[in-house]
C-alpha atoms as a PDB file:
ATOM      1  CA  MET A   1     140.450 102.857  56.225  1.00  0.00           C
ATOM      2  CA  VAL A   2     137.161 100.905  55.789  1.00  0.00           C
ATOM      3  CA  PRO A   3     137.629  97.136  56.149  1.00  0.00           C
ATOM      4  CA  PRO A   4     136.749  95.133  52.924  1.00  0.00           C
ATOM      5  CA  MET A   5     133.514  93.226  52.564  1.00  0.00           C
ATOM      6  CA  GLN A   6     133.511  90.041  54.524  1.00  0.00           C
ATOM      7  CA  ARG A   7     132.112  86.705  53.500  1.00  0.00           C
ATOM      8  CA  LEU A   8     131.510  84.399  56.360  1.00  0.00           C
ATOM      9  CA  ARG A   9     130.432  80.719  56.279  1.00  0.00           C
ATOM     10  CA  ASP A  10     127.825  79.810  58.874  1.00  0.00           C
ATOM     11  CA  ASP A  11     127.198  76.401  60.345  1.00  0.00           C
ATOM     12  CA  LEU A  12     124.413  75.697  57.768  1.00  0.00           C
ATOM     13  CA  GLY A  13     127.041  76.117  55.023  1.00  0.00           C
ATOM     14  CA  ARG A  14     125.574  79.497  53.956  1.00  0.00           C
ATOM     15  CA  ASP A  15     127.739  82.488  52.861  1.00  0.00           C
ATOM     16  CA  VAL A  16     126.876  85.601  54.879  1.00  0.00           C
ATOM     17  CA  CYS A  17     128.150  88.762  53.306  1.00  0.00           C
ATOM     18  CA  LEU A  18     128.834  91.924  55.330  1.00  0.00           C
ATOM     19  CA  LEU A  19     129.583  95.191  53.534  1.00  0.00           C
ATOM     20  CA  ARG A  20     131.231  96.572  56.774  1.00  0.00           C
ATOM     21  CA  PRO A  21     131.590  95.442  60.372  1.00  0.00           C
ATOM     22  CA  PRO A  22     128.012  95.581  61.730  1.00  0.00           C
ATOM     23  CA  ARG A  23     127.149  98.338  64.190  1.00  0.00           C
ATOM     24  CA  ARG A  24     123.643  97.104  64.882  1.00  0.00           C
ATOM     25  CA  VAL A  25     123.377  93.478  65.896  1.00  0.00           C
ATOM     26  CA  VAL A  26     120.316  91.407  67.105  1.00  0.00           C
ATOM     27  CA  SER A  27     121.203  88.305  69.054  1.00  0.00           C
ATOM     28  CA  LEU A  28     118.621  85.496  69.202  1.00  0.00           C
ATOM     29  CA  VAL A  29     120.807  83.249  71.394  1.00  0.00           C
ATOM     30  CA  PRO A  30     121.577  83.858  75.097  1.00  0.00           C
ATOM     31  CA  SER A  31     125.092  82.517  74.882  1.00  0.00           C
ATOM     32  CA  ASP A  32     125.860  84.662  71.812  1.00  0.00           C
ATOM     33  CA  THR A  33     124.608  87.729  73.636  1.00  0.00           C
ATOM     34  CA  TYR A  34     127.041  86.980  76.347  1.00  0.00           C
ATOM     35  CA  THR A  35     129.798  86.437  73.851  1.00  0.00           C
ATOM     36  CA  LEU A  36     129.176  89.757  72.112  1.00  0.00           C
ATOM     37  CA  PHE A  37     129.624  91.602  75.479  1.00  0.00           C
ATOM     38  CA  ALA A  38     132.818  89.519  76.114  1.00  0.00           C
ATOM     39  CA  LEU A  39     134.164  90.766  72.796  1.00  0.00           C
ATOM     40  CA  GLY A  40     133.590  94.291  73.856  1.00  0.00           C
ATOM     41  CA  CYS A  41     130.744  94.825  71.437  1.00  0.00           C
ATOM     42  CA  GLY A  42     127.815  95.081  73.906  1.00  0.00           C
ATOM     43  CA  GLU A  43     126.982  98.553  72.694  1.00  0.00           C
ATOM     44  CA  ARG A  44     126.265  97.138  69.230  1.00  0.00           C
ATOM     45  CA  VAL A  45     123.622  94.829  70.448  1.00  0.00           C
ATOM     46  CA  VAL A  46     120.211  96.511  69.713  1.00  0.00           C
ATOM     47  CA  GLY A  47     117.963  93.506  70.250  1.00  0.00           C
ATOM     48  CA  ARG A  48     117.881  90.281  72.249  1.00  0.00           C
ATOM     49  CA  THR A  49     115.517  87.540  73.393  1.00  0.00           C
ATOM     50  CA  THR A  50     113.842  87.538  76.776  1.00  0.00           C
ATOM     51  CA  TYR A  51     116.270  84.707  77.726  1.00  0.00           C
ATOM     52  CA  CYS A  52     119.364  86.787  77.018  1.00  0.00           C
ATOM     53  CA  ASP A  53     119.870  87.887  80.598  1.00  0.00           C
ATOM     54  CA  GLN A  54     123.701  87.683  80.746  1.00  0.00           C
ATOM     55  CA  PRO A  55     125.664  89.883  81.402  1.00  0.00           C
ATOM     56  CA  ALA A  56     123.475  92.014  83.564  1.00  0.00           C
ATOM     57  CA  ASP A  57     123.965  95.069  81.237  1.00  0.00           C
ATOM     58  CA  ALA A  58     121.901  93.147  78.588  1.00  0.00           C
ATOM     59  CA  ALA A  59     118.776  93.906  80.562  1.00  0.00           C
ATOM     60  CA  ALA A  60     118.712  97.399  79.070  1.00  0.00           C
ATOM     61  CA  ILE A  61     118.433  96.061  75.525  1.00  0.00           C
ATOM     62  CA  PRO A  62     115.013  95.800  73.832  1.00  0.00           C
ATOM     63  CA  THR A  63     113.659  92.215  73.547  1.00  0.00           C
ATOM     64  CA  VAL A  64     112.188  90.535  70.465  1.00  0.00           C
ATOM     65  CA  GLY A  65     110.323  87.616  71.968  1.00  0.00           C
ATOM     66  CA  GLY A  66     111.802  84.278  73.123  1.00  0.00           C
ATOM     67  CA  THR A  67     114.184  81.947  71.326  1.00  0.00           C
ATOM     68  CA  LYS A  68     111.417  79.826  69.950  1.00  0.00           C
ATOM     69  CA  ASP A  69     108.889  82.613  69.286  1.00  0.00           C
ATOM     70  CA  VAL A  70     110.949  85.361  67.795  1.00  0.00           C
ATOM     71  CA  ASP A  71     108.966  88.406  66.744  1.00  0.00           C
ATOM     72  CA  VAL A  72     110.358  88.823  63.238  1.00  0.00           C
ATOM     73  CA  ASP A  73     108.790  92.249  62.652  1.00  0.00           C
ATOM     74  CA  ALA A  74     110.236  93.474  65.920  1.00  0.00           C
ATOM     75  CA  VAL A  75     113.692  92.337  64.766  1.00  0.00           C
ATOM     76  CA  LEU A  76     113.358  94.030  61.371  1.00  0.00           C
ATOM     77  CA  ALA A  77     112.159  97.251  63.070  1.00  0.00           C
ATOM     78  CA  LEU A  78     115.504  97.526  64.771  1.00  0.00           C
ATOM     79  CA  ALA A  79     117.210  97.743  61.371  1.00  0.00           C
ATOM     80  CA  PRO A  80     119.957  95.211  62.271  1.00  0.00           C
ATOM     81  CA  GLU A  81     123.041  94.934  60.069  1.00  0.00           C
ATOM     82  CA  LEU A  82     123.542  91.379  61.439  1.00  0.00           C
ATOM     83  CA  VAL A  83     121.204  88.813  63.168  1.00  0.00           C
ATOM     84  CA  ILE A  84     122.876  85.997  65.097  1.00  0.00           C
ATOM     85  CA  ALA A  85     120.887  82.719  65.555  1.00  0.00           C
ATOM     86  CA  ASN A  86     121.174  79.071  66.367  1.00  0.00           C
ATOM     87  CA  GLN A  87     119.697  76.245  64.335  1.00  0.00           C
ATOM     88  CA  GLU A  88     118.755  74.354  67.482  1.00  0.00           C
ATOM     89  CA  GLU A  89     117.471  77.149  69.682  1.00  0.00           C
ATOM     90  CA  ASN A  90     115.542  79.245  67.178  1.00  0.00           C
ATOM     91  CA  SER A  91     112.550  78.195  64.983  1.00  0.00           C
ATOM     92  CA  ARG A  92     113.068  77.502  61.308  1.00  0.00           C
ATOM     93  CA  PRO A  93     110.157  79.635  59.979  1.00  0.00           C
ATOM     94  CA  ALA A  94     111.404  82.732  61.807  1.00  0.00           C
ATOM     95  CA  LEU A  95     114.989  82.200  60.498  1.00  0.00           C
ATOM     96  CA  GLU A  96     113.787  81.738  56.976  1.00  0.00           C
ATOM     97  CA  ARG A  97     111.821  85.025  57.087  1.00  0.00           C
ATOM     98  CA  LEU A  98     114.864  86.859  58.481  1.00  0.00           C
ATOM     99  CA  ALA A  99     117.310  85.410  56.002  1.00  0.00           C
ATOM    100  CA  GLU A 100     115.225  86.981  53.183  1.00  0.00           C
ATOM    101  CA  ARG A 101     115.642  90.493  54.651  1.00  0.00           C
ATOM    102  CA  VAL A 102     118.862  90.774  56.663  1.00  0.00           C
ATOM    103  CA  PRO A 103     122.268  89.094  57.004  1.00  0.00           C
ATOM    104  CA  LEU A 104     121.735  86.103  59.196  1.00  0.00           C
ATOM    105  CA  LEU A 105     124.484  84.080  60.773  1.00  0.00           C
ATOM    106  CA  VAL A 106     123.308  80.699  62.069  1.00  0.00           C
ATOM    107  CA  SER A 107     125.524  78.677  64.431  1.00  0.00           C
ATOM    108  CA  MET A 108     125.367  74.958  65.444  1.00  0.00           C
ATOM    109  CA  PRO A 109     128.439  74.036  67.478  1.00  0.00           C
ATOM    110  CA  ARG A 110     128.604  70.415  68.467  1.00  0.00           C
ATOM    111  CA  ARG A 111     132.082  70.533  70.115  1.00  0.00           C
ATOM    112  CA  VAL A 112     133.802  72.852  72.541  1.00  0.00           C
ATOM    113  CA  ALA A 113     136.245  73.719  69.765  1.00  0.00           C
ATOM    114  CA  ASP A 114     133.333  74.698  67.488  1.00  0.00           C
ATOM    115  CA  GLY A 115     132.148  77.116  70.087  1.00  0.00           C
ATOM    116  CA  VAL A 116     135.656  78.739  70.383  1.00  0.00           C
ATOM    117  CA  ALA A 117     135.853  78.920  66.534  1.00  0.00           C
ATOM    118  CA  HIS A 118     132.436  80.663  66.555  1.00  0.00           C
ATOM    119  CA  VAL A 119     133.847  83.319  69.016  1.00  0.00           C
ATOM    120  CA  ALA A 120     136.729  83.795  66.560  1.00  0.00           C
ATOM    121  CA  ARG A 121     134.263  84.180  63.674  1.00  0.00           C
ATOM    122  CA  LEU A 122     132.212  86.748  65.464  1.00  0.00           C
ATOM    123  CA  ALA A 123     135.382  88.624  66.335  1.00  0.00           C
ATOM    124  CA  ARG A 124     136.328  88.830  62.668  1.00  0.00           C
ATOM    125  CA  ALA A 125     132.845  89.839  61.614  1.00  0.00           C
ATOM    126  CA  LEU A 126     132.833  92.708  64.126  1.00  0.00           C
ATOM    127  CA  ASP A 127     136.422  93.710  63.339  1.00  0.00           C
ATOM    128  CA  VAL A 128     137.671  93.248  66.838  1.00  0.00           C
ATOM    129  CA  ALA A 129     139.889  90.156  66.373  1.00  0.00           C
ATOM    130  CA  ARG A 130     143.061  92.143  67.073  1.00  0.00           C
ATOM    131  CA  ALA A 131     141.898  93.672  70.343  1.00  0.00           C
ATOM    132  CA  PRO A 132     144.189  92.426  73.104  1.00  0.00           C
ATOM    133  CA  ALA A 133     141.315  91.189  75.263  1.00  0.00           C
ATOM    134  CA  VAL A 134     139.779  89.371  72.423  1.00  0.00           C
ATOM    135  CA  VAL A 135     143.064  87.764  71.404  1.00  0.00           C
ATOM    136  CA  ASP A 136     143.487  86.589  75.019  1.00  0.00           C
ATOM    137  CA  LEU A 137     139.942  85.193  75.178  1.00  0.00           C
ATOM    138  CA  ILE A 138     140.264  83.177  72.010  1.00  0.00           C
ATOM    139  CA  ARG A 139     143.820  82.008  73.019  1.00  0.00           C
ATOM    140  CA  ARG A 140     142.469  80.678  76.298  1.00  0.00           C
ATOM    141  CA  GLY A 141     139.657  78.951  74.497  1.00  0.00           C
ATOM    142  CA  TYR A 142     141.958  77.137  72.055  1.00  0.00           C
ATOM    143  CA  GLU A 143     144.390  76.223  74.826  1.00  0.00           C
ATOM    144  CA  LEU A 144     141.452  74.570  76.694  1.00  0.00           C
ATOM    145  CA  CYS A 145     140.650  72.583  73.590  1.00  0.00           C
ATOM    146  CA  ALA A 146     144.224  71.569  73.045  1.00  0.00           C
ATOM    147  CA  ALA A 147     144.750  70.333  76.578  1.00  0.00           C
ATOM    148  CA  ALA A 148     144.309  66.551  77.104  1.00  0.00           C
ATOM    149  CA  PRO A 149     141.061  65.913  78.848  1.00  0.00           C
ATOM    150  CA  PRO A 150     141.186  64.196  82.276  1.00  0.00           C
ATOM    151  CA  PRO A 151     140.604  60.415  82.333  1.00  0.00           C
ATOM    152  CA  VAL A 152     136.963  59.447  82.578  1.00  0.00           C
ATOM    153  CA  ARG A 153     136.233  59.172  86.357  1.00  0.00           C
ATOM    154  CA  ALA A 154     132.545  58.245  86.166  1.00  0.00           C
ATOM    155  CA  THR A 155     129.619  57.817  83.800  1.00  0.00           C
ATOM    156  CA  ALA A 156     126.633  60.087  84.143  1.00  0.00           C
ATOM    157  CA  PHE A 157     122.997  60.264  83.108  1.00  0.00           C
ATOM    158  CA  VAL A 158     122.037  63.838  82.295  1.00  0.00           C
ATOM    159  CA  PRO A 159     118.276  64.324  81.861  1.00  0.00           C
ATOM    160  CA  ILE A 160     117.163  67.534  80.110  1.00  0.00           C
ATOM    161  CA  TRP A 161     113.438  66.885  80.409  1.00  0.00           C
ATOM    162  CA  MET A 162     111.125  64.618  82.456  1.00  0.00           C
ATOM    163  CA  ASP A 163     107.899  64.083  80.493  1.00  0.00           C
ATOM    164  CA  PRO A 164     109.027  62.653  78.223  1.00  0.00           C
ATOM    165  CA  LEU A 165     112.399  61.746  79.816  1.00  0.00           C
ATOM    166  CA  MET A 166     115.040  63.056  77.476  1.00  0.00           C
ATOM    167  CA  THR A 167     118.821  63.179  77.345  1.00  0.00           C
ATOM    168  CA  PHE A 168     121.529  63.740  74.691  1.00  0.00           C
ATOM    169  CA  ASN A 169     123.994  61.513  72.866  1.00  0.00           C
ATOM    170  CA  ALA A 170     127.638  61.963  71.919  1.00  0.00           C
ATOM    171  CA  ASP A 171     127.049  64.174  68.912  1.00  0.00           C
ATOM    172  CA  THR A 172     126.155  67.173  71.063  1.00  0.00           C
ATOM    173  CA  PHE A 173     127.892  70.162  72.688  1.00  0.00           C
ATOM    174  CA  GLY A 174     126.843  69.035  76.177  1.00  0.00           C
ATOM    175  CA  ALA A 175     128.348  65.614  75.666  1.00  0.00           C
ATOM    176  CA  ASP A 176     131.645  67.183  74.520  1.00  0.00           C
ATOM    177  CA  VAL A 177     131.753  69.403  77.612  1.00  0.00           C
ATOM    178  CA  LEU A 178     131.236  66.328  79.742  1.00  0.00           C
ATOM    179  CA  ALA A 179     134.131  64.571  77.962  1.00  0.00           C
ATOM    180  CA  ALA A 180     136.382  67.630  78.465  1.00  0.00           C
ATOM    181  CA  VAL A 181     135.911  67.404  82.191  1.00  0.00           C
ATOM    182  CA  GLY A 182     136.367  63.625  82.534  1.00  0.00           C
ATOM    183  CA  ILE A 183     132.720  62.495  82.710  1.00  0.00           C
ATOM    184  CA  GLY A 184     131.312  59.844  80.484  1.00  0.00           C
ATOM    185  CA  ASN A 185     127.813  60.084  78.991  1.00  0.00           C
ATOM    186  CA  ALA A 186     125.590  56.996  79.643  1.00  0.00           C
ATOM    187  CA  PHE A 187     123.637  57.502  76.414  1.00  0.00           C
ATOM    188  CA  ASP A 188     126.540  58.439  74.112  1.00  0.00           C
ATOM    189  CA  GLU A 189     125.481  55.994  71.313  1.00  0.00           C
ATOM    190  CA  ARG A 190     121.695  56.231  71.739  1.00  0.00           C
ATOM    191  CA  LEU A 191     119.891  57.709  68.726  1.00  0.00           C
ATOM    192  CA  ARG A 192     116.454  59.324  68.956  1.00  0.00           C
ATOM    193  CA  LEU A 193     113.962  57.168  67.167  1.00  0.00           C
ATOM    194  CA  TYR A 194     110.703  58.086  65.493  1.00  0.00           C
ATOM    195  CA  PRO A 195     107.859  57.975  66.380  1.00  0.00           C
ATOM    196  CA  LEU A 196     107.798  58.416  70.150  1.00  0.00           C
ATOM    197  CA  ALA A 197     106.568  54.833  70.627  1.00  0.00           C
ATOM    198  CA  ALA A 198     109.723  53.620  68.816  1.00  0.00           C
ATOM    199  CA  ASP A 199     111.951  55.638  71.109  1.00  0.00           C
ATOM    200  CA  LEU A 200     110.252  54.045  74.080  1.00  0.00           C
ATOM    201  CA  GLY A 201     110.645  50.551  72.671  1.00  0.00           C
ATOM    202  CA  LYS A 202     106.997  50.053  72.028  1.00  0.00           C
ATOM    203  CA  ALA A 203     106.952  50.137  68.156  1.00  0.00           C
ATOM    204  CA  ALA A 204     109.176  49.691  65.111  1.00  0.00           C
ATOM    205  CA  ALA A 205     111.268  52.676  64.210  1.00  0.00           C
ATOM    206  CA  ALA A 206     110.375  54.647  61.104  1.00  0.00           C
ATOM    207  CA  ASP A 207     112.687  56.403  58.710  1.00  0.00           C
ATOM    208  CA  PRO A 208     113.917  59.552  60.580  1.00  0.00           C
ATOM    209  CA  ARG A 209     113.847  61.505  57.245  1.00  0.00           C
ATOM    210  CA  GLY A 210     116.695  63.871  58.224  1.00  0.00           C
ATOM    211  CA  ARG A 211     115.237  64.588  61.672  1.00  0.00           C
ATOM    212  CA  ASP A 212     117.530  65.382  64.591  1.00  0.00           C
ATOM    213  CA  GLN A 213     118.413  62.129  66.349  1.00  0.00           C
ATOM    214  CA  ARG A 214     120.758  63.536  68.948  1.00  0.00           C
ATOM    215  CA  TYR A 215     118.242  63.980  71.785  1.00  0.00           C
ATOM    216  CA  PRO A 216     116.700  60.520  72.575  1.00  0.00           C
ATOM    217  CA  ARG A 217     113.607  60.118  74.675  1.00  0.00           C
ATOM    218  CA  VAL A 218     114.420  57.248  77.025  1.00  0.00           C
ATOM    219  CA  THR A 219     112.588  55.102  79.622  1.00  0.00           C
ATOM    220  CA  ILE A 220     113.383  55.028  83.299  1.00  0.00           C
ATOM    221  CA  GLU A 221     114.105  51.310  82.848  1.00  0.00           C
ATOM    222  CA  GLU A 222     116.854  52.158  80.308  1.00  0.00           C
ATOM    223  CA  VAL A 223     118.437  54.544  82.759  1.00  0.00           C
ATOM    224  CA  ALA A 224     118.348  51.834  85.486  1.00  0.00           C
ATOM    225  CA  ALA A 225     119.838  49.256  83.113  1.00  0.00           C
ATOM    226  CA  ARG A 226     122.847  51.509  82.360  1.00  0.00           C
ATOM    227  CA  ALA A 227     123.502  52.016  86.067  1.00  0.00           C
ATOM    228  CA  PRO A 228     125.282  55.399  85.848  1.00  0.00           C
ATOM    229  CA  ALA A 229     127.380  56.423  88.778  1.00  0.00           C
ATOM    230  CA  LEU A 230     126.087  59.993  88.556  1.00  0.00           C
ATOM    231  CA  VAL A 231     122.790  61.682  87.703  1.00  0.00           C
ATOM    232  CA  LEU A 232     123.635  65.282  86.754  1.00  0.00           C
ATOM    233  CA  LEU A 233     120.669  67.642  87.046  1.00  0.00           C
ATOM    234  CA  PRO A 234     121.198  70.870  85.056  1.00  0.00           C
ATOM    235  CA  ASP A 235     119.080  73.802  86.184  1.00  0.00           C
ATOM    236  CA  GLU A 236     117.973  74.437  82.593  1.00  0.00           C
ATOM    237  CA  PRO A 237     116.070  73.780  80.362  1.00  0.00           C
ATOM    238  CA  HIS A 238     114.041  71.839  82.949  1.00  0.00           C
ATOM    239  CA  ALA A 239     113.498  72.646  86.649  1.00  0.00           C
ATOM    240  CA  PHE A 240     113.705  69.360  88.448  1.00  0.00           C
ATOM    241  CA  SER A 241     111.047  69.011  91.131  1.00  0.00           C
ATOM    242  CA  PRO A 242     111.374  66.894  94.364  1.00  0.00           C
ATOM    243  CA  ALA A 243     109.114  64.268  92.622  1.00  0.00           C
ATOM    244  CA  ASP A 244     111.500  64.188  89.662  1.00  0.00           C
ATOM    245  CA  ARG A 245     114.446  63.680  91.865  1.00  0.00           C
ATOM    246  CA  ALA A 246     112.724  60.916  93.833  1.00  0.00           C
ATOM    247  CA  ALA A 247     111.817  59.097  90.665  1.00  0.00           C
ATOM    248  CA  LEU A 248     115.415  59.212  89.415  1.00  0.00           C
ATOM    249  CA  ALA A 249     116.728  58.130  92.800  1.00  0.00           C
ATOM    250  CA  ALA A 250     114.359  55.168  92.833  1.00  0.00           C
ATOM    251  CA  ALA A 251     115.541  54.111  89.326  1.00  0.00           C
ATOM    252  CA  VAL A 252     119.230  54.364  90.132  1.00  0.00           C
ATOM    253  CA  PRO A 253     119.595  54.229  93.873  1.00  0.00           C
ATOM    254  CA  GLY A 254     123.310  53.828  93.742  1.00  0.00           C
ATOM    255  CA  ALA A 255     123.854  56.990  91.720  1.00  0.00           C
ATOM    256  CA  ARG A 256     124.855  60.346  93.227  1.00  0.00           C
ATOM    257  CA  GLN A 257     122.652  63.209  92.175  1.00  0.00           C
ATOM    258  CA  VAL A 258     124.577  66.404  91.481  1.00  0.00           C
ATOM    259  CA  ASP A 259     123.081  69.816  90.637  1.00  0.00           C
ATOM    260  CA  VAL A 260     124.933  71.599  87.796  1.00  0.00           C
ATOM    261  CA  SER A 261     124.641  74.750  85.831  1.00  0.00           C
ATOM    262  CA  GLY A 262     122.835  74.239  82.615  1.00  0.00           C
ATOM    263  CA  ARG A 263     124.696  77.209  81.251  1.00  0.00           C
ATOM    264  CA  ASP A 264     128.000  75.658  82.094  1.00  0.00           C
ATOM    265  CA  LEU A 265     127.032  72.563  80.120  1.00  0.00           C
ATOM    266  CA  PHE A 266     125.162  74.023  77.150  1.00  0.00           C
ATOM    267  CA  TRP A 267     126.143  77.712  76.695  1.00  0.00           C
ATOM    268  CA  TYR A 268     128.884  77.683  73.982  1.00  0.00           C
ATOM    269  CA  GLY A 269     131.354  80.450  73.213  1.00  0.00           C
ATOM    270  CA  ALA A 270     132.834  82.882  75.738  1.00  0.00           C
ATOM    271  CA  TRP A 271     130.774  81.329  78.555  1.00  0.00           C
ATOM    272  CA  THR A 272     132.349  77.948  77.970  1.00  0.00           C
ATOM    273  CA  ILE A 273     135.860  79.375  78.010  1.00  0.00           C
ATOM    274  CA  GLU A 274     135.146  80.564  81.544  1.00  0.00           C
ATOM    275  CA  ALA A 275     133.093  77.586  82.569  1.00  0.00           C
ATOM    276  CA  LEU A 276     135.354  74.640  81.703  1.00  0.00           C
ATOM    277  CA  PRO A 277     137.985  75.353  84.331  1.00  0.00           C
ATOM    278  CA  ARG A 278     135.430  75.516  87.118  1.00  0.00           C
ATOM    279  CA  LEU A 279     133.591  72.440  85.799  1.00  0.00           C
ATOM    280  CA  ARG A 280     136.822  70.466  85.779  1.00  0.00           C
ATOM    281  CA  THR A 281     137.435  71.487  89.414  1.00  0.00           C
ATOM    282  CA  ALA A 282     133.932  70.503  90.327  1.00  0.00           C
ATOM    283  CA  ALA A 283     133.955  67.255  88.458  1.00  0.00           C
ATOM    284  CA  ALA A 284     137.099  66.058  90.281  1.00  0.00           C
ATOM    285  CA  SER A 285     134.954  65.704  93.448  1.00  0.00           C
ATOM    286  CA  TRP A 286     131.915  64.029  91.861  1.00  0.00           C
END
């Protein structure tokens, strides 16, 4: 029996119609590529970005550029029945071109629970939601979300770039992961201001005009003033050099610097379901 046509709602509020469960999928998001394999659908992935390197079996799949410079023609040449993208990771012009030609599902999870719901949405789209391993994966995800988070043990500053110095506020997936493991975010309430001079306190702020304000550019003086107990250094998207580490140590000499997996903090979906228990264990010793 052929499953009926599906209408999915993506995180942009768009309806995505699928005539049948897609057999040819292109993933433009590393964490989604990992999730597709976790759902037992790795053989359906016919295209990926150069950053989609997990699991190891993904290496055999043809690439279609990076997350920010997707080769739209290469994607279309693979004749996908579904393209999976992310509003934050992929560039808008490429997604607009793809949406004109193929079913495009765009995600934008801001909470751990959103990421688990996205796994369930993909499972429905691919018609694997009743597979025992998939049921177990999604159940574990929702159980993690339902569990009371541990009490906040410390506040952390988490830089994601150094020049300019950038972090994230409470309305982000990374901040929700921190909260789920009992770590506070030193810049929870801080909005990104426009232009750059305003963000750095050197000019008046302009109307953001709908721009993303969740990733503020901060000064080293702001970091020092907030006196976080921890400075968490994710290994992506920025590779922190010895000079970076020294500058941060000088700004907050009382803070403990801790190296963490950027994937554990920022990769939503199946990766998070596996990462949260180990992050909670690690955070207990920070």
